[in-house]
C-alpha atoms as a PDB file:
ATOM      1  CA  MET A   1      -4.299 -10.134   1.202  1.00  0.00           C
ATOM      2  CA  LYS A   2      -7.049  -7.748   0.168  1.00  0.00           C
ATOM      3  CA  TRP A   3      -9.781  -9.941   1.661  1.00  0.00           C
ATOM      4  CA  PHE A   4      -7.993  -9.884   5.029  1.00  0.00           C
ATOM      5  CA  ASN A   5      -7.572  -6.117   4.973  1.00  0.00           C
ATOM      6  CA  LYS A   6     -11.268  -5.649   4.135  1.00  0.00           C
ATOM      7  CA  GLN A   7     -12.337  -7.493   7.293  1.00  0.00           C
ATOM      8  CA  SER A   8     -13.163  -5.550  10.423  1.00  0.00           C
ATOM      9  CA  ARG A   9     -10.491  -5.328  13.067  1.00  0.00           C
ATOM     10  CA  LEU A  10     -12.469  -7.672  15.297  1.00  0.00           C
ATOM     11  CA  VAL A  11     -12.570 -10.368  12.616  1.00  0.00           C
ATOM     12  CA  GLN A  12      -8.844  -9.904  11.918  1.00  0.00           C
ATOM     13  CA  PHE A  13      -8.167 -10.206  15.647  1.00  0.00           C
ATOM     14  CA  ILE A  14     -10.222 -13.393  15.980  1.00  0.00           C
ATOM     15  CA  LEU A  15      -8.641 -14.978  12.894  1.00  0.00           C
ATOM     16  CA  LEU A  16      -5.142 -14.391  14.233  1.00  0.00           C
ATOM     17  CA  LEU A  17      -5.912 -15.129  17.896  1.00  0.00           C
ATOM     18  CA  ILE A  18      -6.956 -18.779  17.616  1.00  0.00           C
ATOM     19  CA  PRO A  19      -3.671 -20.751  17.432  1.00  0.00           C
ATOM     20  CA  PHE A  20      -4.166 -23.171  14.508  1.00  0.00           C
ATOM     21  CA  VAL A  21      -6.634 -20.920  12.674  1.00  0.00           C
ATOM     22  CA  GLY A  22      -4.224 -17.991  13.041  1.00  0.00           C
ATOM     23  CA  TRP A  23      -1.399 -19.961  11.480  1.00  0.00           C
ATOM     24  CA  ILE A  24      -3.576 -21.137   8.569  1.00  0.00           C
ATOM     25  CA  THR A  25      -4.889 -17.589   8.072  1.00  0.00           C
ATOM     26  CA  GLU A  26      -1.315 -16.320   8.089  1.00  0.00           C
ATOM     27  CA  ILE A  27      -0.289 -18.810   5.403  1.00  0.00           C
ATOM     28  CA  VAL A  28      -3.322 -18.106   3.202  1.00  0.00           C
ATOM     29  CA  VAL A  29      -2.874 -14.339   3.466  1.00  0.00           C
ATOM     30  CA  ARG A  30       0.862 -14.554   2.768  1.00  0.00           C
ATOM     31  CA  VAL A  31       0.447 -16.906  -0.212  1.00  0.00           C
ATOM     32  CA  THR A  32      -2.191 -14.650  -1.778  1.00  0.00           C
ATOM     33  CA  ALA A  33       0.073 -11.642  -1.195  1.00  0.00           C
ATOM     34  CA  VAL A  34       2.959 -13.377  -2.975  1.00  0.00           C
ATOM     35  CA  LEU A  35       0.692 -14.407  -5.855  1.00  0.00           C
ATOM     36  CA  GLU A  36      -0.697 -10.867  -6.214  1.00  0.00           C
ATOM     37  CA  LYS A  37       2.591  -9.043  -5.776  1.00  0.00           C
ATOM     38  CA  PRO A  38       5.786 -11.137  -5.530  1.00  0.00           C
ATOM     39  CA  THR A  39       8.013  -8.633  -3.727  1.00  0.00           C
ATOM     40  CA  GLY A  40      10.845  -9.487  -1.391  1.00  0.00           C
ATOM     41  CA  LYS A  41       8.853  -8.370   1.651  1.00  0.00           C
ATOM     42  CA  ASN A  42       5.928 -10.605   0.743  1.00  0.00           C
ATOM     43  CA  ILE A  43       8.169 -13.597   0.131  1.00  0.00           C
ATOM     44  CA  LEU A  44      10.006 -12.986   3.412  1.00  0.00           C
ATOM     45  CA  GLY A  45       6.656 -12.743   5.218  1.00  0.00           C
ATOM     46  CA  LEU A  46       5.600 -16.064   3.706  1.00  0.00           C
ATOM     47  CA  ILE A  47       8.827 -17.743   4.793  1.00  0.00           C
ATOM     48  CA  PHE A  48       8.466 -16.444   8.358  1.00  0.00           C
ATOM     49  CA  GLY A  49       4.806 -17.419   8.402  1.00  0.00           C
ATOM     50  CA  LEU A  50       5.586 -20.965   7.312  1.00  0.00           C
ATOM     51  CA  LEU A  51       8.590 -21.539   9.537  1.00  0.00           C
ATOM     52  CA  ILE A  52       7.475 -19.768  12.711  1.00  0.00           C
ATOM     53  CA  PRO A  53       3.872 -20.585  13.670  1.00  0.00           C
ATOM     54  CA  ILE A  54       3.960 -18.063  16.535  1.00  0.00           C
ATOM     55  CA  PHE A  55       4.540 -15.347  13.886  1.00  0.00           C
ATOM     56  CA  SER A  56       0.735 -15.116  13.565  1.00  0.00           C
ATOM     57  CA  TRP A  57       0.547 -13.901  17.175  1.00  0.00           C
ATOM     58  CA  LEU A  58       3.152 -11.248  16.424  1.00  0.00           C
ATOM     59  CA  ASP A  59       1.004 -10.265  13.469  1.00  0.00           C
ATOM     60  CA  LEU A  60      -1.983 -10.114  15.814  1.00  0.00           C
ATOM     61  CA  ILE A  61      -0.270  -7.456  17.914  1.00  0.00           C
ATOM     62  CA  TRP A  62       0.931  -5.656  14.789  1.00  0.00           C
ATOM     63  CA  VAL A  63      -2.587  -5.594  13.301  1.00  0.00           C
ATOM     64  CA  LEU A  64      -3.987  -4.150  16.521  1.00  0.00           C
ATOM     65  CA  ILE A  65      -1.398  -1.372  16.577  1.00  0.00           C
ATOM     66  CA  PHE A  66      -0.849  -0.549  12.895  1.00  0.00           C
ATOM     67  CA  ASN A  67      -3.892  -2.102  11.134  1.00  0.00           C
ATOM     68  CA  HIS A  68      -1.789  -4.196   8.708  1.00  0.00           C
ATOM     69  CA  LEU A  69       0.384  -7.298   8.821  1.00  0.00           C
ATOM     70  CA  ILE A  70       4.129  -7.288   9.478  1.00  0.00           C
ATOM     71  CA  LEU A  71       6.066  -7.144   6.212  1.00  0.00           C
ATOM     72  CA  ALA A  72       2.882  -6.373   4.275  1.00  0.00           C
ATOM     73  CA  SER A  73       3.144  -4.111   1.274  1.00  0.00           C
END
């Protein structure tokens, strides 16, 4: 998750905007977050990211407003 947070907002926006790339980015970021810090929020974020592909677009809006992913610790 650290590599995603280190990117500029524009790069984060582009990674989450493109439909398939956004979903893959979401999965990679969530898996690395669970591996780094296996908290309930991170695991829940991974489950939502895997089951709901449109969750990456919700994260896109969240990143633009709050500068971090939904359910990110």
